[in-house]
N, C-alpha and C. Protein backbone atom coordinates (compact mmCIF):
# COMPACT_ATOMS: atom_id res chain seq x y z
N ALA A 1 -10.54 -8.52 1.78
CA ALA A 1 -11.39 -8.68 2.95
C ALA A 1 -12.26 -7.44 3.07
N TRP A 2 -13.55 -7.63 2.93
CA TRP A 2 -14.50 -6.54 3.06
C TRP A 2 -14.84 -6.41 4.54
N ILE A 3 -14.58 -5.23 5.12
CA ILE A 3 -14.73 -5.02 6.55
C ILE A 3 -15.65 -3.84 6.80
N ARG A 4 -16.59 -4.01 7.73
CA ARG A 4 -17.44 -2.90 8.16
C ARG A 4 -16.80 -2.28 9.39
N VAL A 5 -16.26 -1.07 9.25
CA VAL A 5 -15.60 -0.37 10.34
C VAL A 5 -16.62 0.18 11.32
N ASP A 6 -17.67 0.80 10.78
CA ASP A 6 -18.78 1.30 11.60
C ASP A 6 -20.00 1.39 10.68
N ASP A 7 -21.10 1.94 11.19
CA ASP A 7 -22.34 1.98 10.40
C ASP A 7 -22.19 2.74 9.08
N GLY A 8 -21.29 3.69 9.03
CA GLY A 8 -21.13 4.49 7.82
C GLY A 8 -19.88 4.20 7.03
N THR A 9 -19.05 3.25 7.48
CA THR A 9 -17.76 3.03 6.83
C THR A 9 -17.49 1.55 6.58
N ASP A 10 -17.32 1.21 5.32
CA ASP A 10 -16.84 -0.10 4.90
C ASP A 10 -15.53 0.13 4.17
N ARG A 11 -14.64 -0.85 4.22
CA ARG A 11 -13.41 -0.75 3.43
C ARG A 11 -12.95 -2.15 3.06
N ILE A 12 -12.04 -2.18 2.12
CA ILE A 12 -11.51 -3.44 1.62
C ILE A 12 -10.05 -3.55 2.04
N GLY A 13 -9.74 -4.58 2.83
CA GLY A 13 -8.35 -4.88 3.16
C GLY A 13 -7.75 -5.66 2.00
N ASP A 14 -6.44 -5.63 1.87
CA ASP A 14 -5.81 -6.28 0.73
C ASP A 14 -5.97 -7.80 0.75
N ILE A 15 -5.69 -8.43 1.89
CA ILE A 15 -5.86 -9.88 2.03
C ILE A 15 -6.37 -10.15 3.44
N GLY A 16 -7.48 -10.86 3.54
CA GLY A 16 -8.03 -11.23 4.84
C GLY A 16 -8.02 -12.73 5.00
N VAL A 17 -7.65 -13.20 6.18
CA VAL A 17 -7.63 -14.63 6.48
C VAL A 17 -8.71 -14.89 7.52
N TYR A 18 -9.68 -15.72 7.14
CA TYR A 18 -10.78 -16.09 8.02
C TYR A 18 -10.59 -17.55 8.43
N LEU A 19 -10.55 -17.81 9.71
CA LEU A 19 -10.46 -19.18 10.17
C LEU A 19 -11.85 -19.80 10.15
N ARG A 20 -11.87 -21.09 10.09
CA ARG A 20 -13.14 -21.81 9.99
C ARG A 20 -14.01 -21.55 11.22
N SER A 21 -15.31 -21.47 10.98
CA SER A 21 -16.25 -21.19 12.05
C SER A 21 -17.48 -22.10 11.90
N GLU A 22 -18.13 -22.42 13.00
CA GLU A 22 -19.33 -23.25 12.95
C GLU A 22 -20.46 -22.56 12.18
N SER A 23 -20.71 -21.31 12.49
CA SER A 23 -21.75 -20.56 11.79
C SER A 23 -21.22 -19.16 11.49
N PRO A 24 -20.51 -19.03 10.39
CA PRO A 24 -19.89 -17.74 10.08
C PRO A 24 -20.92 -16.64 9.79
N PRO A 25 -20.74 -15.47 10.40
CA PRO A 25 -21.62 -14.34 10.08
C PRO A 25 -21.35 -13.86 8.65
N ASP A 26 -22.28 -13.11 8.13
CA ASP A 26 -22.13 -12.59 6.78
C ASP A 26 -21.01 -11.57 6.71
N ILE A 27 -20.27 -11.62 5.61
CA ILE A 27 -19.27 -10.59 5.33
C ILE A 27 -20.07 -9.38 4.87
N PRO A 28 -19.86 -8.16 5.30
CA PRO A 28 -18.66 -7.63 5.94
C PRO A 28 -18.70 -7.62 7.46
N ASP A 29 -19.71 -8.25 8.06
CA ASP A 29 -19.78 -8.22 9.52
C ASP A 29 -18.80 -9.18 10.18
N ARG A 30 -18.31 -10.17 9.44
CA ARG A 30 -17.32 -11.09 9.98
C ARG A 30 -15.94 -10.43 9.95
N ILE A 31 -15.21 -10.56 11.03
CA ILE A 31 -13.88 -9.94 11.15
C ILE A 31 -12.82 -11.00 10.84
N PRO A 32 -11.87 -10.69 9.94
CA PRO A 32 -10.81 -11.67 9.67
C PRO A 32 -9.88 -11.80 10.87
N GLU A 33 -9.29 -12.98 11.04
CA GLU A 33 -8.32 -13.17 12.12
C GLU A 33 -6.99 -12.50 11.78
N ILE A 34 -6.63 -12.51 10.51
CA ILE A 34 -5.38 -11.89 10.05
C ILE A 34 -5.72 -11.00 8.85
N LEU A 35 -5.15 -9.80 8.84
CA LEU A 35 -5.36 -8.88 7.73
C LEU A 35 -4.02 -8.39 7.22
N PHE A 36 -3.82 -8.48 5.92
CA PHE A 36 -2.61 -7.99 5.28
C PHE A 36 -2.93 -6.69 4.57
N GLU A 37 -2.08 -5.70 4.76
CA GLU A 37 -2.18 -4.44 4.03
C GLU A 37 -0.89 -4.23 3.26
N ILE A 38 -1.01 -3.95 1.98
CA ILE A 38 0.14 -3.65 1.13
C ILE A 38 0.21 -2.13 1.06
N VAL A 39 1.33 -1.55 1.48
CA VAL A 39 1.48 -0.10 1.54
C VAL A 39 1.43 0.48 0.13
N SER A 40 0.60 1.51 -0.02
CA SER A 40 0.47 2.21 -1.29
C SER A 40 1.47 3.35 -1.36
N PRO A 41 1.82 3.81 -2.57
CA PRO A 41 2.77 4.92 -2.69
C PRO A 41 2.17 6.23 -2.18
N GLY A 42 3.04 7.09 -1.69
CA GLY A 42 2.62 8.42 -1.24
C GLY A 42 2.53 8.55 0.26
N LYS A 43 2.74 9.77 0.72
CA LYS A 43 2.77 10.06 2.16
C LYS A 43 1.40 9.83 2.82
N VAL A 44 0.33 10.25 2.16
CA VAL A 44 -1.01 10.09 2.72
C VAL A 44 -1.34 8.61 2.85
N SER A 45 -1.03 7.82 1.83
CA SER A 45 -1.29 6.39 1.87
C SER A 45 -0.47 5.71 2.95
N HIS A 46 0.77 6.14 3.10
CA HIS A 46 1.66 5.58 4.12
C HIS A 46 1.06 5.79 5.51
N GLN A 47 0.60 6.99 5.79
CA GLN A 47 -0.02 7.32 7.08
C GLN A 47 -1.27 6.47 7.29
N ARG A 48 -2.08 6.34 6.26
CA ARG A 48 -3.32 5.55 6.36
C ARG A 48 -3.00 4.09 6.64
N ASP A 49 -2.07 3.50 5.90
CA ASP A 49 -1.77 2.07 6.04
C ASP A 49 -1.06 1.75 7.35
N TYR A 50 -0.15 2.61 7.80
CA TYR A 50 0.61 2.34 9.02
C TYR A 50 -0.12 2.75 10.30
N VAL A 51 -0.97 3.78 10.24
CA VAL A 51 -1.57 4.30 11.47
C VAL A 51 -3.09 4.14 11.49
N SER A 52 -3.79 4.78 10.58
CA SER A 52 -5.26 4.81 10.62
C SER A 52 -5.88 3.42 10.54
N LYS A 53 -5.51 2.65 9.53
CA LYS A 53 -6.09 1.32 9.37
C LYS A 53 -5.69 0.40 10.51
N ARG A 54 -4.49 0.54 10.99
CA ARG A 54 -4.03 -0.31 12.10
C ARG A 54 -4.87 -0.05 13.35
N GLU A 55 -5.15 1.21 13.64
CA GLU A 55 -5.97 1.55 14.80
C GLU A 55 -7.40 1.02 14.64
N GLU A 56 -7.96 1.15 13.44
CA GLU A 56 -9.30 0.61 13.19
C GLU A 56 -9.32 -0.90 13.38
N ASP A 57 -8.33 -1.57 12.84
CA ASP A 57 -8.28 -3.03 12.91
C ASP A 57 -8.12 -3.51 14.34
N ARG A 58 -7.35 -2.81 15.13
CA ARG A 58 -7.19 -3.18 16.54
C ARG A 58 -8.53 -3.04 17.26
N ALA A 59 -9.24 -1.95 17.00
CA ALA A 59 -10.54 -1.72 17.63
C ALA A 59 -11.57 -2.78 17.22
N LEU A 60 -11.45 -3.30 16.00
CA LEU A 60 -12.38 -4.32 15.51
C LEU A 60 -12.08 -5.71 16.08
N GLY A 61 -10.88 -5.90 16.61
CA GLY A 61 -10.52 -7.19 17.19
C GLY A 61 -9.76 -8.11 16.26
N ILE A 62 -9.19 -7.57 15.20
CA ILE A 62 -8.38 -8.39 14.30
C ILE A 62 -7.13 -8.83 15.06
N ARG A 63 -6.84 -10.13 15.03
CA ARG A 63 -5.74 -10.68 15.84
C ARG A 63 -4.36 -10.27 15.36
N GLU A 64 -4.16 -10.30 14.04
CA GLU A 64 -2.85 -9.92 13.49
C GLU A 64 -3.05 -9.00 12.30
N TYR A 65 -2.26 -7.94 12.26
CA TYR A 65 -2.28 -6.97 11.18
C TYR A 65 -0.88 -6.95 10.59
N VAL A 66 -0.77 -7.33 9.33
CA VAL A 66 0.53 -7.45 8.67
C VAL A 66 0.65 -6.33 7.63
N ILE A 67 1.71 -5.54 7.77
CA ILE A 67 1.96 -4.45 6.83
C ILE A 67 3.13 -4.86 5.94
N VAL A 68 2.86 -4.95 4.65
CA VAL A 68 3.90 -5.28 3.67
C VAL A 68 4.24 -3.99 2.94
N ASP A 69 5.49 -3.54 3.11
CA ASP A 69 5.95 -2.29 2.50
C ASP A 69 6.99 -2.62 1.44
N ARG A 70 6.54 -2.67 0.19
CA ARG A 70 7.46 -3.02 -0.90
C ARG A 70 8.49 -1.93 -1.16
N PHE A 71 8.19 -0.71 -0.76
CA PHE A 71 9.12 0.39 -0.98
C PHE A 71 10.29 0.32 -0.01
N ALA A 72 9.99 -0.02 1.24
CA ALA A 72 11.04 -0.16 2.26
C ALA A 72 11.56 -1.60 2.33
N ARG A 73 10.93 -2.50 1.58
CA ARG A 73 11.28 -3.92 1.57
C ARG A 73 11.21 -4.52 2.98
N THR A 74 10.08 -4.22 3.64
CA THR A 74 9.88 -4.72 5.00
C THR A 74 8.48 -5.32 5.13
N MET A 75 8.34 -6.12 6.17
CA MET A 75 7.05 -6.65 6.55
C MET A 75 6.97 -6.55 8.07
N ARG A 76 5.90 -5.96 8.58
CA ARG A 76 5.71 -5.82 10.03
C ARG A 76 4.46 -6.59 10.43
N VAL A 77 4.56 -7.31 11.52
CA VAL A 77 3.42 -8.04 12.04
C VAL A 77 3.06 -7.47 13.40
N HIS A 78 1.82 -7.02 13.52
CA HIS A 78 1.30 -6.49 14.78
C HIS A 78 0.27 -7.49 15.29
N ALA A 79 0.56 -8.07 16.44
CA ALA A 79 -0.33 -9.09 17.01
C ALA A 79 -0.93 -8.58 18.31
N ARG A 80 -2.15 -9.03 18.59
CA ARG A 80 -2.83 -8.67 19.84
C ARG A 80 -2.26 -9.50 20.96
């Protein structure tokens, strides 16, 4: 899922789920309803996936943010 965070920042989410729309805006301006992030190895990546991206996604209005952590063998769902 290609997401425009702000005018100077675009990023790619691991898996984005877009529900059907009458007239969908162009990606990256369209916000997915559900976004999955797969946790990357390392402390910096862990902080980014669990905190930074989650805060950005909440501010963008993403309805559900799912964190899949293969290292901890967990999945967390954060819903609005």
